[in-house]
Every structure is written in structure tokens, then in C-alpha cells.
Amino acid sequence: MHSVTLLTSPQRPQLEASLVDAVRNAWGGGDAVWLAPDEAAGFDMKRMPGNRWDVWAECQGMGVDLVITPSEGRRKKMLLADMDSTMIQQECIDELADEAGVGDRVKDITARAMNGELDFNAALRERVGLLKGLEEAVITRVLAERITHMPGGKTLIATMKANGAYAALVSGGFTAFTAAVAEALGFDENRANTLIASDGVLTGDVGVPILGKQAKVDALEQITARLGLSEDDVIAVGDGANDLGMLARAGMGVALHAKPAVAAECDVRINFGDLTALLYVQGYAKDEFVI
């Protein structure tokens, strides 16, 4: 059995009942269940349709995300999340680079690395090197003035934790940011890279080993083993090429507003919804959300 979810932006809810019924009828689905008025609905069906991606593309043209997942084990017991451009709306290293006066150079490297065009570790070393001489205190100012949380993140974590799930933040960014973001949003733990400083100034070096694509997979393996969970129990979310390993291994891997090369590798793609979309695709209704 498969579960189909259709959802749209909570800021501009525009999901039409006629679209839900048209997809349901075409695929021989069961009764439609509205998870949130005008925003999210779903139904179950027995077989995966052959025209899945054709219908997905049509829905995208209407501002609607369409997701099909196995019905069994739909509600996950662990959230594994990327930070930059996933749980926050920025790339923390790009914000630091702006403060250091090298914003354009670093943003170009970041974009290419996240799209899989560059080796992540080498790209990170190059970008951190450009921050040499920046006062460590700038990090606190960037956190306060430049970093904003992705809509729906706190609700996602609170709702899953209220239902017994564990939440881990695993980032190719930096612990100075993940610690603050994890505390603000309610994550149970966080892992990231360490910026090296001396006498209150960044040295241009990053701690080793670098947490990149493989380290995120390692985190998935280690945390599930520690908690006695299977990888199928995990919903992972990210947007960049360094997230692909954990997205592929998790029971449900979600490409959230992801780079095209990343989205193409994932069956669950959220382009219009916010982080609460991860609740809808697990079958949660809006009246179950913990706000």
C-alpha cells in the first residue's frame, strides 16, 4: 500500500479539492483525507502508478508538491536534518564571508559545492581559509542579526518529539551555529565542523576530520544503532549534494527546496511546502501539530 500526499505553501494555501479528486480517481485511490484545509490532503492506493512523475510535474506547475511513500512505517522515529538552507534560511559560511568582505567569492564556491560540482572537503577548506583574520566575536553577531529559522522547523521537531521521536542536527557547517540552532529548535543533539580560532581571531583552519557527506551517513548509522532503531525509522532532510548519502539511506529522504541535482536523486521533493510538509508526508494532520 502507498500513501499519496498533496500539499502546497502554508503561506499561500491553494490546494483545490478538484485536483485531489482528479489524482485520486485517476490512480484508483481510497477516500481523500484532508490534513489541513486548502493546504494538504492525502489518500492511499494499492500500486505505484506508472505516470507518477508526469503527474508530479503537472502538480508542480500548479504550485503543489505531490509525494508518494510506502504506507507501512510512515511515521518515523527519528529526524536527521541538515542545517544550512534546511533548518535555517542561510548558509552560515556565506554570512561570515560577507562580514569578512569576501562574500561573493565564498558564495560562488558554496553554490558549486552544494550542487555537487566541487569536492566538499576541499571547498570547505578553501572557504574557511578566506575567513582568516575575522574576529571570532563576529559569529555571535551573525547569529543574532543574519540567521533566521526555516518556517515550520520548531513545529516539526516538537511534534515528532511529542510522538516519541529523536531529533539530530548534522551539518557541514560549524558547531558555533549548530549549537545555537539546535537549542532554539529543540534538537536532541548536533554535529558539525569546528572553526579554529586563536586569541579571538579565526585562523583560517577547520578542525579535522571534516564532517562532510560520509560523516552524515556515519551519524545516521551511529545514532540509529545507539537508539536501537533501523534506518527505515529515519526521516532525513537536506538540500545539498553532501546530504545525498543520508537521504538515500534513510527510510524517507526529503529534498527540501533542494538544488536540482539533489532533487533529481530523491523521490520525496518539497518545493512549495515548508518544514511542516515533513509532518504531512508522515500522515500528521494539522490539528496534531505541536505549536
Protein backbone atom coordinates (compact mmCIF):
# COMPACT_ATOMS: atom_id res chain seq x y z
CA MET A 1 0.00 0.00 0.00
CA HIS A 2 1.17 3.51 -0.82
CA SER A 3 0.18 6.86 0.67
CA VAL A 4 -0.17 9.91 -1.57
CA THR A 5 0.16 13.42 -0.13
CA LEU A 6 -0.57 16.65 -1.98
CA LEU A 7 0.42 19.89 -0.28
CA THR A 8 1.11 23.50 -1.00
CA SER A 9 2.65 26.56 0.64
CA PRO A 10 1.13 27.29 4.06
CA GLN A 11 1.69 30.99 3.39
CA ARG A 12 -0.43 30.74 0.22
CA PRO A 13 -2.63 27.65 0.64
CA GLN A 14 -4.19 26.88 -2.72
CA LEU A 15 -4.82 23.14 -2.84
CA GLU A 16 -8.03 22.54 -4.77
CA ALA A 17 -10.34 19.66 -3.91
CA SER A 18 -10.85 19.13 -7.63
CA LEU A 19 -7.12 18.40 -8.09
CA VAL A 20 -7.05 15.95 -5.17
CA ASP A 21 -10.12 14.15 -6.55
CA ALA A 22 -8.72 14.08 -10.09
CA VAL A 23 -5.46 12.44 -8.96
CA ARG A 24 -7.29 10.06 -6.63
CA ASN A 25 -9.73 8.96 -9.32
CA ALA A 26 -7.04 8.55 -11.97
CA TRP A 27 -5.00 6.33 -9.67
CA GLY A 28 -7.86 4.39 -8.11
CA GLY A 29 -7.15 5.71 -4.65
CA GLY A 30 -9.22 5.44 -1.49
CA ASP A 31 -11.13 8.24 0.18
CA ALA A 32 -9.37 11.58 0.40
CA VAL A 33 -8.39 12.77 3.87
CA TRP A 34 -7.77 16.49 4.38
CA LEU A 35 -4.82 17.04 6.68
CA ALA A 36 -5.21 20.84 6.58
CA PRO A 37 -7.91 22.87 4.80
CA ASP A 38 -6.68 24.18 1.42
CA GLU A 39 -3.13 23.10 2.29
CA ALA A 40 -2.66 19.33 2.48
CA ALA A 41 -4.62 16.20 1.67
CA GLY A 42 -3.92 12.56 1.03
CA PHE A 43 -5.23 9.13 0.12
CA ASP A 44 -4.00 5.55 -0.04
CA MET A 45 -3.65 3.37 -3.13
CA LYS A 46 -2.51 -0.17 -3.80
CA ARG A 47 0.03 0.27 -6.60
CA MET A 48 2.66 2.78 -7.64
CA PRO A 49 1.36 4.50 -10.80
CA GLY A 50 3.47 4.39 -13.93
CA ASN A 51 2.89 8.08 -14.66
CA ARG A 52 3.96 9.25 -11.22
CA TRP A 53 6.48 11.82 -12.38
CA ASP A 54 4.29 13.13 -15.20
CA VAL A 55 1.56 13.92 -12.67
CA TRP A 56 4.16 15.30 -10.27
CA ALA A 57 5.33 17.73 -12.97
CA GLU A 58 1.78 18.86 -13.66
CA CYS A 59 1.20 19.47 -9.95
CA GLN A 60 4.44 21.46 -9.74
CA GLY A 61 3.06 23.75 -12.41
CA MET A 62 0.12 24.43 -10.08
CA GLY A 63 2.32 25.15 -7.05
CA VAL A 64 1.59 21.77 -5.48
CA ASP A 65 4.00 19.17 -4.13
CA LEU A 66 2.99 15.54 -4.71
CA VAL A 67 4.64 12.84 -2.62
CA ILE A 68 4.16 9.05 -2.67
CA THR A 69 5.53 6.97 0.21
CA PRO A 70 5.03 3.42 1.48
CA SER A 71 2.11 3.38 3.91
CA GLU A 72 3.82 0.96 6.29
CA GLY A 73 6.15 2.64 8.78
CA ARG A 74 5.14 6.07 7.52
CA ARG A 75 5.58 7.83 10.85
CA LYS A 76 9.27 7.96 11.64
CA LYS A 77 11.04 7.64 14.99
CA MET A 78 14.00 9.88 14.19
CA LEU A 79 14.63 13.13 12.34
CA LEU A 80 18.10 13.66 10.83
CA ALA A 81 18.43 17.18 9.47
CA ASP A 82 20.92 19.32 7.62
CA MET A 83 21.18 22.91 8.89
CA ASP A 84 22.16 25.41 6.20
CA SER A 85 19.30 26.24 3.81
CA THR A 86 17.30 23.50 5.54
CA MET A 87 16.71 24.31 9.21
CA ILE A 88 17.93 27.87 8.69
CA GLN A 89 17.35 30.05 5.65
CA GLN A 90 21.00 30.94 5.12
CA GLU A 91 24.40 29.34 4.55
CA CYS A 92 26.30 30.30 7.69
CA ILE A 93 29.69 30.42 5.98
CA ASP A 94 28.34 32.82 3.36
CA GLU A 95 27.13 35.16 6.10
CA LEU A 96 30.53 35.09 7.78
CA ALA A 97 32.16 35.73 4.42
CA ASP A 98 30.06 38.86 3.94
CA GLU A 99 31.39 40.15 7.25
CA ALA A 100 34.93 39.33 6.12
CA GLY A 101 34.48 41.16 2.82
CA VAL A 102 34.79 38.00 0.67
CA GLY A 103 31.09 37.24 0.30
CA ASP A 104 30.89 36.89 -3.48
CA ARG A 105 33.91 34.57 -3.71
CA VAL A 106 32.65 32.30 -0.95
CA LYS A 107 29.02 32.23 -2.15
CA ASP A 108 30.14 31.04 -5.58
CA ILE A 109 32.16 28.20 -4.05
CA THR A 110 29.27 27.28 -1.73
CA ALA A 111 26.77 27.13 -4.58
CA ARG A 112 29.03 24.90 -6.67
CA ALA A 113 29.82 22.61 -3.73
CA MET A 114 26.15 22.21 -2.77
CA ASN A 115 25.29 21.35 -6.37
CA GLY A 116 27.93 18.62 -6.37
CA GLU A 117 30.34 20.38 -8.73
CA LEU A 118 33.21 20.55 -6.21
CA ASP A 119 34.70 18.22 -3.63
CA PHE A 120 33.03 19.23 -0.36
CA ASN A 121 36.08 18.93 1.89
CA ALA A 122 38.36 20.90 -0.42
CA ALA A 123 35.70 23.55 -0.95
CA LEU A 124 35.18 23.92 2.80
CA ARG A 125 38.91 24.33 3.43
CA GLU A 126 39.14 26.96 0.70
CA ARG A 127 36.19 28.94 2.06
CA VAL A 128 37.35 28.77 5.67
CA GLY A 129 40.79 29.93 4.54
CA LEU A 130 39.20 33.10 3.20
CA LEU A 131 37.86 33.86 6.70
CA LYS A 132 41.36 34.11 8.20
CA GLY A 133 41.67 37.14 10.44
CA LEU A 134 37.94 37.52 11.11
CA GLU A 135 37.19 38.20 14.78
CA GLU A 136 35.54 35.22 16.47
CA ALA A 137 33.02 37.59 18.07
CA VAL A 138 31.53 38.19 14.63
CA ILE A 139 29.90 34.73 14.88
CA THR A 140 27.68 35.92 17.73
CA ARG A 141 26.61 38.98 15.74
CA VAL A 142 25.87 36.92 12.63
CA LEU A 143 23.74 34.52 14.67
CA ALA A 144 21.77 37.39 16.15
CA GLU A 145 21.38 39.57 13.06
CA ARG A 146 21.63 37.38 9.97
CA ILE A 147 20.38 33.87 10.79
CA THR A 148 16.66 33.07 10.54
CA HIS A 149 14.98 29.72 11.04
CA MET A 150 13.22 27.96 8.18
CA PRO A 151 9.45 28.19 8.70
CA GLY A 152 7.92 25.13 10.33
CA GLY A 153 11.11 23.78 11.87
CA LYS A 154 10.20 24.19 15.51
CA THR A 155 6.75 22.68 14.91
CA LEU A 156 8.27 19.73 13.03
CA ILE A 157 10.63 18.88 15.86
CA ALA A 158 8.15 19.49 18.69
CA THR A 159 5.50 17.34 17.02
CA MET A 160 7.82 14.44 16.27
CA LYS A 161 9.34 14.55 19.77
CA ALA A 162 5.87 14.62 21.33
CA ASN A 163 5.28 11.36 19.46
CA GLY A 164 8.45 9.77 20.80
CA ALA A 165 10.93 10.64 18.04
CA TYR A 166 14.58 11.72 18.37
CA ALA A 167 15.97 14.76 16.52
CA ALA A 168 19.59 15.17 15.37
CA LEU A 169 21.11 18.13 13.53
CA VAL A 170 24.07 17.10 11.36
CA SER A 171 25.73 19.87 9.39
CA GLY A 172 28.70 20.51 7.17
CA GLY A 173 28.66 23.97 8.78
CA PHE A 174 30.04 24.87 12.16
CA THR A 175 29.38 23.94 15.78
CA ALA A 176 29.19 27.62 16.76
CA PHE A 177 25.98 27.75 14.71
CA THR A 178 24.56 24.25 15.17
CA ALA A 179 24.73 24.52 18.96
CA ALA A 180 22.59 27.67 18.92
CA VAL A 181 20.18 26.41 16.27
CA ALA A 182 19.79 23.03 17.94
CA GLU A 183 18.97 24.64 21.27
CA ALA A 184 16.50 27.10 19.77
CA LEU A 185 14.62 24.47 17.75
CA GLY A 186 14.71 21.60 20.23
CA PHE A 187 17.14 19.12 18.67
CA ASP A 188 18.44 16.38 20.95
CA GLU A 189 21.99 16.57 19.57
CA ASN A 190 24.06 18.32 16.93
CA ARG A 191 27.21 17.57 14.95
CA ALA A 192 29.21 19.93 12.74
CA ASN A 193 32.69 21.20 11.91
CA THR A 194 34.81 23.37 14.20
CA LEU A 195 36.23 26.73 13.21
CA ILE A 196 39.72 27.14 14.69
CA ALA A 197 40.44 30.42 16.46
CA SER A 198 43.47 31.81 18.27
CA ASP A 199 43.40 34.89 20.51
CA GLY A 200 39.83 35.60 19.44
CA VAL A 201 40.60 35.54 15.71
CA LEU A 202 39.81 32.86 13.12
CA THR A 203 42.98 31.18 11.87
CA GLY A 204 41.54 30.13 8.52
CA ASP A 205 41.64 26.48 9.54
CA VAL A 206 38.88 23.96 10.23
CA GLY A 207 39.06 21.07 12.67
CA VAL A 208 39.65 17.56 11.32
CA PRO A 209 38.21 15.20 10.40
CA ILE A 210 35.87 17.35 8.32
CA LEU A 211 32.20 16.48 8.65
CA GLY A 212 31.03 16.05 5.06
CA LYS A 213 28.88 13.64 3.07
CA GLN A 214 30.25 10.43 4.61
CA ALA A 215 30.11 11.84 8.14
CA LYS A 216 26.38 12.40 7.75
CA VAL A 217 25.96 8.75 6.78
CA ASP A 218 28.12 7.80 9.75
CA ALA A 219 25.86 9.86 12.01
CA LEU A 220 22.83 8.01 10.65
CA GLU A 221 24.45 4.66 11.36
CA GLN A 222 25.78 5.60 14.79
CA ILE A 223 22.69 7.30 16.17
CA THR A 224 20.26 4.62 14.97
CA ALA A 225 22.49 1.91 16.43
CA ARG A 226 22.68 3.75 19.74
CA LEU A 227 18.90 4.20 19.89
CA GLY A 228 18.10 0.69 18.71
CA LEU A 229 16.39 1.96 15.56
CA SER A 230 16.60 0.84 11.95
CA GLU A 231 17.46 3.19 9.11
CA ASP A 232 13.89 2.75 7.89
CA ASP A 233 12.79 4.52 11.10
CA VAL A 234 14.52 7.74 9.97
CA ILE A 235 13.27 10.73 8.02
CA ALA A 236 16.24 12.76 6.74
CA VAL A 237 16.06 16.22 5.18
CA GLY A 238 18.59 18.30 3.28
CA ASP A 239 19.21 20.37 0.17
CA GLY A 240 22.82 19.90 -0.91
CA ALA A 241 24.99 17.30 -2.58
CA ASN A 242 26.68 16.45 0.73
CA ASP A 243 23.24 15.35 2.03
CA LEU A 244 22.67 12.73 -0.68
CA GLY A 245 24.25 9.86 1.26
CA MET A 246 21.98 10.22 4.28
CA LEU A 247 18.94 10.98 2.12
CA ALA A 248 19.46 7.74 0.20
CA ARG A 249 19.98 5.63 3.32
CA ALA A 250 17.11 6.97 5.44
CA GLY A 251 13.69 5.34 5.32
CA MET A 252 12.39 8.63 3.95
CA GLY A 253 14.83 11.10 2.38
CA VAL A 254 13.39 14.56 1.75
CA ALA A 255 14.92 17.06 -0.67
CA LEU A 256 13.70 20.40 0.71
CA HIS A 257 13.91 23.35 -1.70
CA ALA A 258 16.93 21.46 -2.96
CA LYS A 259 19.48 22.04 -5.68
CA PRO A 260 18.24 20.45 -8.96
CA ALA A 261 20.99 17.81 -8.99
CA VAL A 262 19.98 16.80 -5.45
CA ALA A 263 16.22 16.77 -6.03
CA ALA A 264 16.71 14.54 -9.07
CA GLU A 265 18.12 11.83 -6.79
CA CYS A 266 15.25 11.91 -4.29
CA ASP A 267 11.70 10.54 -4.51
CA VAL A 268 10.38 12.97 -1.87
CA ARG A 269 10.76 16.54 -3.11
CA ILE A 270 9.31 19.54 -1.28
CA ASN A 271 9.48 22.74 -3.32
CA PHE A 272 6.46 24.69 -2.09
CA GLY A 273 5.79 23.50 1.46
CA ASP A 274 7.82 24.47 4.49
CA LEU A 275 9.24 22.09 7.11
CA THR A 276 5.74 21.14 8.29
CA ALA A 277 5.49 19.30 4.96
CA LEU A 278 7.61 16.61 6.63
CA LEU A 279 4.74 16.09 9.07
CA TYR A 280 2.10 15.89 6.35
CA VAL A 281 4.06 13.27 4.39
CA GLN A 282 4.20 11.20 7.58
CA GLY A 283 0.41 11.41 7.83
CA TYR A 284 0.09 14.01 10.58
CA ALA A 285 -2.91 16.32 10.36
CA LYS A 286 -2.52 19.99 11.24
CA ASP A 287 -4.61 19.60 14.39
CA GLU A 288 -1.95 17.15 15.66
CA PHE A 289 0.85 19.71 15.33
CA VAL A 290 2.59 20.85 18.50
CA ILE A 291 2.99 24.59 18.07
